[in-house]
Every structure is written in C-alpha cells, then in structure tokens.
C-alpha cells in the first residue's frame, strides 16, 4: 500500500482484483476487517455473507460503483466501492471506508 495510505488514520482501504482476491489493504482495513491481520490473498467471497457476496459479484461482473453509509459501534461511515483500472483494463474494486459526522453539511455548488 502506498505510504500515503498505509497509516491514514480511521480510513480503511482495501483493493481486490476482478475475481475478488484481496491484493492490498492498509493498516486500518486490517484492523477493521480482519482483527489486525492483513488477509492479502484471501477472497472477498469467503468473508462475506451470501447477500453481500452477491452484491460484490455484481459490482465485479458489471464494473459498477456502490456507495452507502453504515453505522457500527456508534460511528457512521461512508462505504465507497469503486472499480479501478490499469491501462484502461478493469482490475477489480477499491473499497474506501471512512468515518463521517452524523450531521454532515451538504453544499450545492454551481
């Protein structure tokens, strides 16, 4: 993981290939998703319930974006799953999970 993201406080970044194999994860992702162990090489489908695995499969097969918020242990987070590309070829997904305020301002800019 690039030095800028490895120790990014509170932001979990996980990268998988187009088959769902975890290619990289920063320290926060390891803590949040695997109790501190970097599970690089594991497959996302093995660590998600069927409903979530079906969503991930659709994202990978159709190169789609998925964004939503969750609340866990009193913390609201934005989950942003986005396709990544290398030389124009689909490579897989990057998931970015970051804490956000419960009352976050929204601005419309023109």
PDB file of N, CA and C in Angstrom:
ATOM      1  N   UNK A   1       0.869  -1.174   0.000  1.00  0.00           N
ATOM      2  CA  UNK A   1       0.000   0.000   0.000  1.00  0.00           C
ATOM      3  C   UNK A   1       0.908   1.228   0.000  1.00  0.00           C
ATOM      4  N   UNK A   2       0.573   2.177  -0.804  1.00  0.00           N
ATOM      5  CA  UNK A   2       1.348   3.400  -0.917  1.00  0.00           C
ATOM      6  C   UNK A   2       1.497   4.045   0.458  1.00  0.00           C
ATOM      7  N   UNK A   3       2.664   4.651   0.702  1.00  0.00           N
ATOM      8  CA  UNK A   3       2.951   5.245   2.005  1.00  0.00           C
ATOM      9  C   UNK A   3       1.922   6.280   2.445  1.00  0.00           C
ATOM     10  N   UNK A   4       1.232   6.912   1.505  1.00  0.00           N
ATOM     11  CA  UNK A   4       0.250   7.924   1.866  1.00  0.00           C
ATOM     12  C   UNK A   4      -1.000   7.312   2.482  1.00  0.00           C
ATOM     13  N   UNK A   5      -1.267   6.068   2.183  1.00  0.00           N
ATOM     14  CA  UNK A   5      -2.496   5.420   2.635  1.00  0.00           C
ATOM     15  C   UNK A   5      -2.282   4.418   3.754  1.00  0.00           C
ATOM     16  N   UNK A   6      -1.074   3.948   3.907  1.00  0.00           N
ATOM     17  CA  UNK A   6      -0.807   2.876   4.873  1.00  0.00           C
ATOM     18  C   UNK A   6      -1.220   3.249   6.283  1.00  0.00           C
ATOM     19  N   UNK A   7      -0.893   4.445   6.725  1.00  0.00           N
ATOM     20  CA  UNK A   7      -1.199   4.841   8.093  1.00  0.00           C
ATOM     21  C   UNK A   7      -2.260   5.936   8.161  1.00  0.00           C
ATOM     22  N   UNK A   8      -3.092   6.024   7.139  1.00  0.00           N
ATOM     23  CA  UNK A   8      -4.173   7.002   7.118  1.00  0.00           C
ATOM     24  C   UNK A   8      -5.133   6.681   8.257  1.00  0.00           C
ATOM     25  N   UNK A   9      -5.231   7.553   9.217  1.00  0.00           N
ATOM     26  CA  UNK A   9      -5.992   7.302  10.440  1.00  0.00           C
ATOM     27  C   UNK A   9      -7.493   7.206  10.178  1.00  0.00           C
ATOM     28  N   UNK A  10      -8.075   6.101  10.562  1.00  0.00           N
ATOM     29  CA  UNK A  10      -9.510   5.917  10.503  1.00  0.00           C
ATOM     30  C   UNK A  10     -10.082   5.555   9.146  1.00  0.00           C
ATOM     31  N   UNK A  11      -9.286   5.621   8.086  1.00  0.00           N
ATOM     32  CA  UNK A  11      -9.767   5.332   6.736  1.00  0.00           C
ATOM     33  C   UNK A  11      -9.246   3.957   6.317  1.00  0.00           C
ATOM     34  N   UNK A  12     -10.196   3.059   6.059  1.00  0.00           N
ATOM     35  CA  UNK A  12      -9.835   1.699   5.637  1.00  0.00           C
ATOM     36  C   UNK A  12      -9.866   1.620   4.112  1.00  0.00           C
ATOM     37  N   UNK A  13      -8.774   1.135   3.527  1.00  0.00           N
ATOM     38  CA  UNK A  13      -8.690   0.988   2.079  1.00  0.00           C
ATOM     39  C   UNK A  13      -8.331  -0.455   1.762  1.00  0.00           C
ATOM     40  N   UNK A  14      -9.176  -1.093   0.941  1.00  0.00           N
ATOM     41  CA  UNK A  14      -8.967  -2.483   0.542  1.00  0.00           C
ATOM     42  C   UNK A  14      -9.053  -2.556  -0.974  1.00  0.00           C
ATOM     43  N   UNK A  15      -8.115  -3.277  -1.575  1.00  0.00           N
ATOM     44  CA  UNK A  15      -8.067  -3.417  -3.030  1.00  0.00           C
ATOM     45  C   UNK A  15      -8.205  -4.888  -3.379  1.00  0.00           C
ATOM     46  N   UNK A  16      -9.125  -5.199  -4.323  1.00  0.00           N
ATOM     47  CA  UNK A  16      -9.245  -6.582  -4.792  1.00  0.00           C
ATOM     48  C   UNK A  16      -9.140  -6.625  -6.308  1.00  0.00           C
ATOM     49  N   UNK A  17      -8.824  -7.810  -6.824  1.00  0.00           N
ATOM     50  CA  UNK A  17      -8.771  -7.988  -8.270  1.00  0.00           C
ATOM     51  C   UNK A  17     -10.155  -8.333  -8.804  1.00  0.00           C
ATOM     52  N   UNK A  18     -10.271  -8.598 -10.097  1.00  0.00           N
ATOM     53  CA  UNK A  18     -11.589  -8.819 -10.687  1.00  0.00           C
ATOM     54  C   UNK A  18     -12.213 -10.145 -10.316  1.00  0.00           C
ATOM     55  N   UNK A  19     -11.464 -11.029  -9.634  1.00  0.00           N
ATOM     56  CA  UNK A  19     -12.030 -12.278  -9.102  1.00  0.00           C
ATOM     57  C   UNK A  19     -12.383 -12.164  -7.628  1.00  0.00           C
ATOM     58  N   UNK A  20     -12.103 -11.002  -7.021  1.00  0.00           N
ATOM     59  CA  UNK A  20     -12.413 -10.800  -5.612  1.00  0.00           C
ATOM     60  C   UNK A  20     -11.275 -11.141  -4.667  1.00  0.00           C
ATOM     61  N   UNK A  21     -10.091 -11.436  -5.198  1.00  0.00           N
ATOM     62  CA  UNK A  21      -8.930 -11.723  -4.355  1.00  0.00           C
ATOM     63  C   UNK A  21      -8.348 -10.422  -3.820  1.00  0.00           C
ATOM     64  N   UNK A  22      -8.099 -10.385  -2.529  1.00  0.00           N
ATOM     65  CA  UNK A  22      -7.575  -9.174  -1.899  1.00  0.00           C
ATOM     66  C   UNK A  22      -6.113  -9.011  -2.292  1.00  0.00           C
ATOM     67  N   UNK A  23      -5.822  -7.862  -2.929  1.00  0.00           N
ATOM     68  CA  UNK A  23      -4.469  -7.563  -3.383  1.00  0.00           C
ATOM     69  C   UNK A  23      -3.693  -6.743  -2.371  1.00  0.00           C
ATOM     70  N   UNK A  24      -4.400  -5.855  -1.668  1.00  0.00           N
ATOM     71  CA  UNK A  24      -3.713  -4.981  -0.723  1.00  0.00           C
ATOM     72  C   UNK A  24      -4.740  -4.391   0.231  1.00  0.00           C
ATOM     73  N   UNK A  25      -4.261  -3.981   1.386  1.00  0.00           N
ATOM     74  CA  UNK A  25      -5.101  -3.315   2.374  1.00  0.00           C
ATOM     75  C   UNK A  25      -4.197  -2.506   3.292  1.00  0.00           C
ATOM     76  N   UNK A  26      -4.684  -1.350   3.729  1.00  0.00           N
ATOM     77  CA  UNK A  26      -3.875  -0.580   4.655  1.00  0.00           C
ATOM     78  C   UNK A  26      -4.095  -1.082   6.085  1.00  0.00           C
ATOM     79  N   UNK A  27      -3.367  -0.504   7.014  1.00  0.00           N
ATOM     80  CA  UNK A  27      -3.420  -0.959   8.406  1.00  0.00           C
ATOM     81  C   UNK A  27      -4.821  -0.852   8.990  1.00  0.00           C
ATOM     82  N   UNK A  28      -5.522   0.259   8.725  1.00  0.00           N
ATOM     83  CA  UNK A  28      -6.871   0.426   9.262  1.00  0.00           C
ATOM     84  C   UNK A  28      -7.807  -0.649   8.725  1.00  0.00           C
ATOM     85  N   UNK A  29      -7.696  -0.973   7.445  1.00  0.00           N
ATOM     86  CA  UNK A  29      -8.524  -2.035   6.874  1.00  0.00           C
ATOM     87  C   UNK A  29      -8.244  -3.365   7.557  1.00  0.00           C
ATOM     88  N   UNK A  30      -6.991  -3.649   7.828  1.00  0.00           N
ATOM     89  CA  UNK A  30      -6.644  -4.901   8.510  1.00  0.00           C
ATOM     90  C   UNK A  30      -7.273  -4.951   9.895  1.00  0.00           C
ATOM     91  N   UNK A  31      -7.231  -3.845  10.616  1.00  0.00           N
ATOM     92  CA  UNK A  31      -7.816  -3.803  11.963  1.00  0.00           C
ATOM     93  C   UNK A  31      -9.331  -3.973  11.899  1.00  0.00           C
ATOM     94  N   UNK A  32      -9.977  -3.244  11.004  1.00  0.00           N
ATOM     95  CA  UNK A  32     -11.436  -3.248  10.910  1.00  0.00           C
ATOM     96  C   UNK A  32     -11.967  -4.566  10.334  1.00  0.00           C
ATOM     97  N   UNK A  33     -11.304  -5.089   9.324  1.00  0.00           N
ATOM     98  CA  UNK A  33     -11.839  -6.234   8.588  1.00  0.00           C
ATOM     99  C   UNK A  33     -11.269  -7.590   8.977  1.00  0.00           C
ATOM    100  N   UNK A  34     -10.150  -7.611   9.656  1.00  0.00           N
ATOM    101  CA  UNK A  34      -9.567  -8.926   9.955  1.00  0.00           C
ATOM    102  C   UNK A  34      -8.772  -8.934  11.260  1.00  0.00           C
ATOM    103  N   UNK A  35      -9.229  -8.154  12.217  1.00  0.00           N
ATOM    104  CA  UNK A  35      -8.645  -8.165  13.564  1.00  0.00           C
ATOM    105  C   UNK A  35      -7.131  -7.961  13.557  1.00  0.00           C
ATOM    106  N   UNK A  36      -6.664  -7.094  12.657  1.00  0.00           N
ATOM    107  CA  UNK A  36      -5.252  -6.738  12.638  1.00  0.00           C
ATOM    108  C   UNK A  36      -4.403  -7.534  11.668  1.00  0.00           C
ATOM    109  N   UNK A  37      -4.937  -8.615  11.133  1.00  0.00           N
ATOM    110  CA  UNK A  37      -4.157  -9.416  10.180  1.00  0.00           C
ATOM    111  C   UNK A  37      -4.442  -8.948   8.771  1.00  0.00           C
ATOM    112  N   UNK A  38      -3.405  -8.761   8.010  1.00  0.00           N
ATOM    113  CA  UNK A  38      -3.605  -8.442   6.597  1.00  0.00           C
ATOM    114  C   UNK A  38      -3.949  -9.744   5.899  1.00  0.00           C
ATOM    115  N   UNK A  39      -5.118  -9.780   5.316  1.00  0.00           N
ATOM    116  CA  UNK A  39      -5.613 -11.016   4.700  1.00  0.00           C
ATOM    117  C   UNK A  39      -5.428 -10.979   3.179  1.00  0.00           C
ATOM    118  N   UNK A  40      -4.328 -10.399   2.769  1.00  0.00           N
ATOM    119  CA  UNK A  40      -3.996 -10.330   1.351  1.00  0.00           C
ATOM    120  C   UNK A  40      -3.900 -11.754   0.804  1.00  0.00           C
ATOM    121  N   UNK A  41      -4.508 -11.971  -0.353  1.00  0.00           N
ATOM    122  CA  UNK A  41      -4.538 -13.298  -0.963  1.00  0.00           C
ATOM    123  C   UNK A  41      -5.849 -14.023  -0.710  1.00  0.00           C
ATOM    124  N   UNK A  42      -6.577 -13.639   0.336  1.00  0.00           N
ATOM    125  CA  UNK A  42      -7.887 -14.237   0.594  1.00  0.00           C
ATOM    126  C   UNK A  42      -8.900 -13.681  -0.395  1.00  0.00           C
ATOM    127  N   UNK A  43     -10.034 -14.347  -0.511  1.00  0.00           N
ATOM    128  CA  UNK A  43     -11.074 -13.918  -1.422  1.00  0.00           C
ATOM    129  C   UNK A  43     -12.214 -13.269  -0.649  1.00  0.00           C
ATOM    130  N   UNK A  44     -12.720 -12.168  -1.182  1.00  0.00           N
ATOM    131  CA  UNK A  44     -13.820 -11.441  -0.532  1.00  0.00           C
ATOM    132  C   UNK A  44     -15.058 -12.303  -0.337  1.00  0.00           C
ATOM    133  N   UNK A  45     -15.289 -13.234  -1.264  1.00  0.00           N
ATOM    134  CA  UNK A  45     -16.496 -14.055  -1.186  1.00  0.00           C
ATOM    135  C   UNK A  45     -16.455 -15.019   0.004  1.00  0.00           C
ATOM    136  N   UNK A  46     -15.266 -15.305   0.505  1.00  0.00           N
ATOM    137  CA  UNK A  46     -15.131 -16.208   1.653  1.00  0.00           C
ATOM    138  C   UNK A  46     -15.409 -15.512   2.979  1.00  0.00           C
ATOM    139  N   UNK A  47     -15.407 -14.182   2.982  1.00  0.00           N
ATOM    140  CA  UNK A  47     -15.580 -13.472   4.253  1.00  0.00           C
ATOM    141  C   UNK A  47     -16.796 -12.544   4.240  1.00  0.00           C
ATOM    142  N   UNK A  48     -17.745 -12.811   3.351  1.00  0.00           N
ATOM    143  CA  UNK A  48     -18.984 -12.041   3.317  1.00  0.00           C
ATOM    144  C   UNK A  48     -20.176 -12.991   3.286  1.00  0.00           C
ATOM    145  N   UNK A  49     -21.270 -12.601   3.931  1.00  0.00           N
ATOM    146  CA  UNK A  49     -22.479 -13.431   3.857  1.00  0.00           C
ATOM    147  C   UNK A  49     -23.016 -13.425   2.419  1.00  0.00           C
ATOM    148  N   UNK A  50     -23.875 -14.397   2.090  1.00  0.00           N
ATOM    149  CA  UNK A  50     -24.363 -14.531   0.708  1.00  0.00           C
ATOM    150  C   UNK A  50     -24.937 -13.254   0.093  1.00  0.00           C
ATOM    151  N   UNK A  51     -25.715 -12.489   0.850  1.00  0.00           N
ATOM    152  CA  UNK A  51     -26.304 -11.266   0.305  1.00  0.00           C
ATOM    153  C   UNK A  51     -25.215 -10.273  -0.119  1.00  0.00           C
ATOM    154  N   UNK A  52     -24.242 -10.056   0.745  1.00  0.00           N
ATOM    155  CA  UNK A  52     -23.158  -9.124   0.435  1.00  0.00           C
ATOM    156  C   UNK A  52     -22.285  -9.666  -0.698  1.00  0.00           C
ATOM    157  N   UNK A  53     -22.038 -10.966  -0.704  1.00  0.00           N
ATOM    158  CA  UNK A  53     -21.243 -11.586  -1.770  1.00  0.00           C
ATOM    159  C   UNK A  53     -21.919 -11.400  -3.127  1.00  0.00           C
ATOM    160  N   UNK A  54     -23.246 -11.492  -3.157  1.00  0.00           N
ATOM    161  CA  UNK A  54     -23.984 -11.301  -4.407  1.00  0.00           C
ATOM    162  C   UNK A  54     -23.815  -9.870  -4.922  1.00  0.00           C
ATOM    163  N   UNK A  55     -23.828  -8.906  -4.025  1.00  0.00           N
ATOM    164  CA  UNK A  55     -23.626  -7.511  -4.419  1.00  0.00           C
ATOM    165  C   UNK A  55     -22.217  -7.332  -4.975  1.00  0.00           C
ATOM    166  N   UNK A  56     -21.231  -7.878  -4.277  1.00  0.00           N
ATOM    167  CA  UNK A  56     -19.839  -7.771  -4.744  1.00  0.00           C
ATOM    168  C   UNK A  56     -19.663  -8.434  -6.107  1.00  0.00           C
ATOM    169  N   UNK A  57     -20.286  -9.578  -6.300  1.00  0.00           N
ATOM    170  CA  UNK A  57     -20.191 -10.276  -7.583  1.00  0.00           C
ATOM    171  C   UNK A  57     -20.750  -9.394  -8.700  1.00  0.00           C
ATOM    172  N   UNK A  58     -21.891  -8.759  -8.450  1.00  0.00           N
ATOM    173  CA  UNK A  58     -22.486  -7.863  -9.439  1.00  0.00           C
ATOM    174  C   UNK A  58     -21.562  -6.679  -9.735  1.00  0.00           C
ATOM    175  N   UNK A  59     -20.965  -6.101  -8.709  1.00  0.00           N
ATOM    176  CA  UNK A  59     -20.044  -4.979  -8.905  1.00  0.00           C
ATOM    177  C   UNK A  59     -18.869  -5.385  -9.783  1.00  0.00           C
ATOM    178  N   UNK A  60     -18.321  -6.571  -9.514  1.00  0.00           N
ATOM    179  CA  UNK A  60     -17.168  -7.050 -10.275  1.00  0.00           C
ATOM    180  C   UNK A  60     -17.545  -7.411 -11.708  1.00  0.00           C
ATOM    181  N   UNK A  61     -18.663  -8.083 -11.879  1.00  0.00           N
ATOM    182  CA  UNK A  61     -19.063  -8.510 -13.225  1.00  0.00           C
ATOM    183  C   UNK A  61     -19.456  -7.338 -14.116  1.00  0.00           C
ATOM    184  N   UNK A  62     -19.992  -6.287 -13.504  1.00  0.00           N
ATOM    185  CA  UNK A  62     -20.503  -5.167 -14.283  1.00  0.00           C
ATOM    186  C   UNK A  62     -19.708  -3.874 -14.114  1.00  0.00           C
ATOM    187  N   UNK A  63     -18.570  -3.971 -13.426  1.00  0.00           N
ATOM    188  CA  UNK A  63     -17.679  -2.828 -13.224  1.00  0.00           C
ATOM    189  C   UNK A  63     -18.456  -1.623 -12.693  1.00  0.00           C
ATOM    190  N   UNK A  64     -19.192  -1.857 -11.612  1.00  0.00           N
ATOM    191  CA  UNK A  64     -20.085  -0.850 -11.065  1.00  0.00           C
ATOM    192  C   UNK A  64     -19.531  -0.199  -9.800  1.00  0.00           C
ATOM    193  N   UNK A  65     -20.050   0.973  -9.529  1.00  0.00           N
ATOM    194  CA  UNK A  65     -19.793   1.721  -8.308  1.00  0.00           C
ATOM    195  C   UNK A  65     -20.894   1.413  -7.304  1.00  0.00           C
ATOM    196  N   UNK A  66     -20.542   1.337  -6.024  1.00  0.00           N
ATOM    197  CA  UNK A  66     -21.513   1.148  -4.954  1.00  0.00           C
ATOM    198  C   UNK A  66     -21.116   2.065  -3.803  1.00  0.00           C
ATOM    199  N   UNK A  67     -22.054   2.878  -3.350  1.00  0.00           N
ATOM    200  CA  UNK A  67     -21.777   3.788  -2.243  1.00  0.00           C
ATOM    201  C   UNK A  67     -22.962   3.799  -1.293  1.00  0.00           C
ATOM    202  N   UNK A  68     -22.659   3.738   0.013  1.00  0.00           N
ATOM    203  CA  UNK A  68     -23.716   3.735   1.029  1.00  0.00           C
ATOM    204  C   UNK A  68     -23.097   4.098   2.363  1.00  0.00           C
ATOM    205  N   UNK A  69     -23.957   4.332   3.360  1.00  0.00           N
ATOM    206  CA  UNK A  69     -23.464   4.605   4.706  1.00  0.00           C
ATOM    207  C   UNK A  69     -23.905   3.487   5.639  1.00  0.00           C
ATOM    208  N   UNK A  70     -23.133   3.303   6.690  1.00  0.00           N
ATOM    209  CA  UNK A  70     -23.460   2.343   7.736  1.00  0.00           C
ATOM    210  C   UNK A  70     -23.248   3.013   9.091  1.00  0.00           C
ATOM    211  N   UNK A  71     -23.791   2.402  10.126  1.00  0.00           N
ATOM    212  CA  UNK A  71     -23.478   2.793  11.490  1.00  0.00           C
ATOM    213  C   UNK A  71     -23.072   1.534  12.232  1.00  0.00           C
ATOM    214  N   UNK A  72     -21.925   1.594  12.884  1.00  0.00           N
ATOM    215  CA  UNK A  72     -21.428   0.456  13.644  1.00  0.00           C
ATOM    216  C   UNK A  72     -20.704   0.984  14.883  1.00  0.00           C
ATOM    217  N   UNK A  73     -21.102   0.480  16.029  1.00  0.00           N
ATOM    218  CA  UNK A  73     -20.495   0.876  17.305  1.00  0.00           C
ATOM    219  C   UNK A  73     -20.507   2.392  17.490  1.00  0.00           C
ATOM    220  N   UNK A  74     -21.633   3.027  17.103  1.00  0.00           N
ATOM    221  CA  UNK A  74     -21.788   4.458  17.308  1.00  0.00           C
ATOM    222  C   UNK A  74     -21.042   5.336  16.320  1.00  0.00           C
ATOM    223  N   UNK A  75     -20.476   4.739  15.275  1.00  0.00           N
ATOM    224  CA  UNK A  75     -19.732   5.504  14.268  1.00  0.00           C
ATOM    225  C   UNK A  75     -20.439   5.351  12.925  1.00  0.00           C
ATOM    226  N   UNK A  76     -20.713   6.481  12.288  1.00  0.00           N
ATOM    227  CA  UNK A  76     -21.301   6.461  10.952  1.00  0.00           C
ATOM    228  C   UNK A  76     -20.161   6.483   9.943  1.00  0.00           C
ATOM    229  N   UNK A  77     -20.268   5.624   8.916  1.00  0.00           N
ATOM    230  CA  UNK A  77     -19.205   5.541   7.912  1.00  0.00           C
ATOM    231  C   UNK A  77     -19.777   5.578   6.508  1.00  0.00           C
ATOM    232  N   UNK A  78     -19.009   6.155   5.625  1.00  0.00           N
ATOM    233  CA  UNK A  78     -19.283   6.087   4.197  1.00  0.00           C
ATOM    234  C   UNK A  78     -18.497   4.904   3.646  1.00  0.00           C
ATOM    235  N   UNK A  79     -19.179   4.020   2.930  1.00  0.00           N
ATOM    236  CA  UNK A  79     -18.528   2.911   2.245  1.00  0.00           C
ATOM    237  C   UNK A  79     -18.601   3.231   0.757  1.00  0.00           C
ATOM    238  N   UNK A  80     -17.459   3.259   0.100  1.00  0.00           N
ATOM    239  CA  UNK A  80     -17.388   3.629  -1.309  1.00  0.00           C
ATOM    240  C   UNK A  80     -16.589   2.556  -2.033  1.00  0.00           C
ATOM    241  N   UNK A  81     -17.282   1.780  -2.844  1.00  0.00           N
ATOM    242  CA  UNK A  81     -16.658   0.689  -3.592  1.00  0.00           C
ATOM    243  C   UNK A  81     -16.637   1.101  -5.060  1.00  0.00           C
ATOM    244  N   UNK A  82     -15.449   1.224  -5.603  1.00  0.00           N
ATOM    245  CA  UNK A  82     -15.296   1.795  -6.936  1.00  0.00           C
ATOM    246  C   UNK A  82     -14.367   0.923  -7.793  1.00  0.00           C
ATOM    247  N   UNK A  83     -14.710   0.752  -9.078  1.00  0.00           N
ATOM    248  CA  UNK A  83     -13.822  -0.008  -9.962  1.00  0.00           C
ATOM    249  C   UNK A  83     -12.486   0.718 -10.136  1.00  0.00           C
ATOM    250  N   UNK A  84     -11.413  -0.059 -10.283  1.00  0.00           N
ATOM    251  CA  UNK A  84     -10.127   0.533 -10.630  1.00  0.00           C
ATOM    252  C   UNK A  84      -9.663  -0.075 -11.958  1.00  0.00           C
ATOM    253  N   UNK A  85      -8.849   0.697 -12.650  1.00  0.00           N
ATOM    254  CA  UNK A  85      -8.388   0.315 -13.982  1.00  0.00           C
ATOM    255  C   UNK A  85      -6.881   0.534 -14.090  1.00  0.00           C
ATOM    256  N   UNK A  86      -6.241  -0.284 -14.898  1.00  0.00           N
ATOM    257  CA  UNK A  86      -4.826  -0.105 -15.203  1.00  0.00           C
ATOM    258  C   UNK A  86      -4.680  -0.185 -16.714  1.00  0.00           C
ATOM    259  N   UNK A  87      -4.152   0.878 -17.303  1.00  0.00           N
ATOM    260  CA  UNK A  87      -4.028   0.985 -18.757  1.00  0.00           C
ATOM    261  C   UNK A  87      -5.359   0.726 -19.451  1.00  0.00           C
ATOM    262  N   UNK A  88      -6.445   1.220 -18.848  1.00  0.00           N
ATOM    263  CA  UNK A  88      -7.772   1.089 -19.424  1.00  0.00           C
ATOM    264  C   UNK A  88      -8.450  -0.246 -19.201  1.00  0.00           C
ATOM    265  N   UNK A  89      -7.761  -1.197 -18.565  1.00  0.00           N
ATOM    266  CA  UNK A  89      -8.343  -2.519 -18.336  1.00  0.00           C
ATOM    267  C   UNK A  89      -8.827  -2.631 -16.893  1.00  0.00           C
ATOM    268  N   UNK A  90     -10.072  -3.120 -16.745  1.00  0.00           N
ATOM    269  CA  UNK A  90     -10.657  -3.303 -15.422  1.00  0.00           C
ATOM    270  C   UNK A  90      -9.784  -4.229 -14.579  1.00  0.00           C
ATOM    271  N   UNK A  91      -9.473  -3.781 -13.365  1.00  0.00           N
ATOM    272  CA  UNK A  91      -8.609  -4.567 -12.488  1.00  0.00           C
ATOM    273  C   UNK A  91      -9.322  -5.153 -11.283  1.00  0.00           C
ATOM    274  N   UNK A  92     -10.433  -4.547 -10.857  1.00  0.00           N
ATOM    275  CA  UNK A  92     -11.134  -5.001  -9.665  1.00  0.00           C
ATOM    276  C   UNK A  92     -11.795  -3.823  -8.974  1.00  0.00           C
ATOM    277  N   UNK A  93     -11.862  -3.894  -7.649  1.00  0.00           N
ATOM    278  CA  UNK A  93     -12.514  -2.853  -6.856  1.00  0.00           C
ATOM    279  C   UNK A  93     -11.576  -2.308  -5.787  1.00  0.00           C
ATOM    280  N   UNK A  94     -11.773  -1.057  -5.473  1.00  0.00           N
ATOM    281  CA  UNK A  94     -11.165  -0.447  -4.292  1.00  0.00           C
ATOM    282  C   UNK A  94     -12.314  -0.067  -3.374  1.00  0.00           C
ATOM    283  N   UNK A  95     -12.241  -0.495  -2.116  1.00  0.00           N
ATOM    284  CA  UNK A  95     -13.222  -0.076  -1.123  1.00  0.00           C
ATOM    285  C   UNK A  95     -12.561   0.903  -0.177  1.00  0.00           C
ATOM    286  N   UNK A  96     -13.213   2.054  -0.019  1.00  0.00           N
ATOM    287  CA  UNK A  96     -12.762   3.068   0.922  1.00  0.00           C
ATOM    288  C   UNK A  96     -13.862   3.216   1.970  1.00  0.00           C
ATOM    289  N   UNK A  97     -13.495   3.061   3.222  1.00  0.00           N
ATOM    290  CA  UNK A  97     -14.430   3.185   4.326  1.00  0.00           C
ATOM    291  C   UNK A  97     -13.906   4.277   5.253  1.00  0.00           C
ATOM    292  N   UNK A  98     -14.727   5.329   5.454  1.00  0.00           N
ATOM    293  CA  UNK A  98     -14.252   6.398   6.313  1.00  0.00           C
ATOM    294  C   UNK A  98     -15.353   6.924   7.208  1.00  0.00           C
ATOM    295  N   UNK A  99     -14.984   7.278   8.434  1.00  0.00           N
ATOM    296  CA  UNK A  99     -15.968   7.840   9.362  1.00  0.00           C
ATOM    297  C   UNK A  99     -16.447   9.200   8.862  1.00  0.00           C
ATOM    298  N   UNK A 100     -17.747   9.438   9.033  1.00  0.00           N
ATOM    299  CA  UNK A 100     -18.316  10.735   8.667  1.00  0.00           C
ATOM    300  C   UNK A 100     -19.211  11.201   9.817  1.00  0.00           C
ATOM    301  N   UNK A 101     -19.398  12.515   9.955  1.00  0.00           N
ATOM    302  CA  UNK A 101     -20.275  13.023  11.009  1.00  0.00           C
ATOM    303  C   UNK A 101     -21.725  12.621  10.760  1.00  0.00           C
ATOM    304  N   UNK A 102     -22.483  12.432  11.828  1.00  0.00           N
ATOM    305  CA  UNK A 102     -23.909  12.130  11.694  1.00  0.00           C
ATOM    306  C   UNK A 102     -24.644  13.292  11.039  1.00  0.00           C
ATOM    307  N   UNK A 103     -24.285  14.502  11.391  1.00  0.00           N
ATOM    308  CA  UNK A 103     -24.875  15.705  10.800  1.00  0.00           C
ATOM    309  C   UNK A 103     -23.818  16.383   9.937  1.00  0.00           C
ATOM    310  N   UNK A 104     -23.710  15.932   8.724  1.00  0.00           N
ATOM    311  CA  UNK A 104     -22.688  16.463   7.831  1.00  0.00           C
ATOM    312  C   UNK A 104     -23.317  17.487   6.886  1.00  0.00           C
ATOM    313  N   UNK A 105     -22.698  18.658   6.761  1.00  0.00           N
ATOM    314  CA  UNK A 105     -23.243  19.655   5.850  1.00  0.00           C
ATOM    315  C   UNK A 105     -23.210  19.158   4.399  1.00  0.00           C
ATOM    316  N   UNK A 106     -24.162  19.628   3.629  1.00  0.00           N
ATOM    317  CA  UNK A 106     -24.228  19.318   2.204  1.00  0.00           C
ATOM    318  C   UNK A 106     -24.337  20.635   1.449  1.00  0.00           C
ATOM    319  N   UNK A 107     -23.458  20.838   0.477  1.00  0.00           N
ATOM    320  CA  UNK A 107     -23.453  22.074  -0.295  1.00  0.00           C
ATOM    321  C   UNK A 107     -23.713  21.780  -1.762  1.00  0.00           C
ATOM    322  N   UNK A 108     -24.508  22.606  -2.384  1.00  0.00           N
ATOM    323  CA  UNK A 108     -24.719  22.524  -3.824  1.00  0.00           C
ATOM    324  C   UNK A 108     -23.917  23.638  -4.443  1.00  0.00           C
ATOM    325  N   UNK A 109     -22.992  23.275  -5.279  1.00  0.00           N
ATOM    326  CA  UNK A 109     -22.123  24.268  -5.902  1.00  0.00           C
ATOM    327  C   UNK A 109     -22.376  24.273  -7.401  1.00  0.00           C
ATOM    328  N   UNK A 110     -22.321  25.428  -7.971  1.00  0.00           N
ATOM    329  CA  UNK A 110     -22.630  25.553  -9.384  1.00  0.00           C
ATOM    330  C   UNK A 110     -21.510  26.038 -10.153  1.00  0.00           C
TER     331      UNK A 110
END
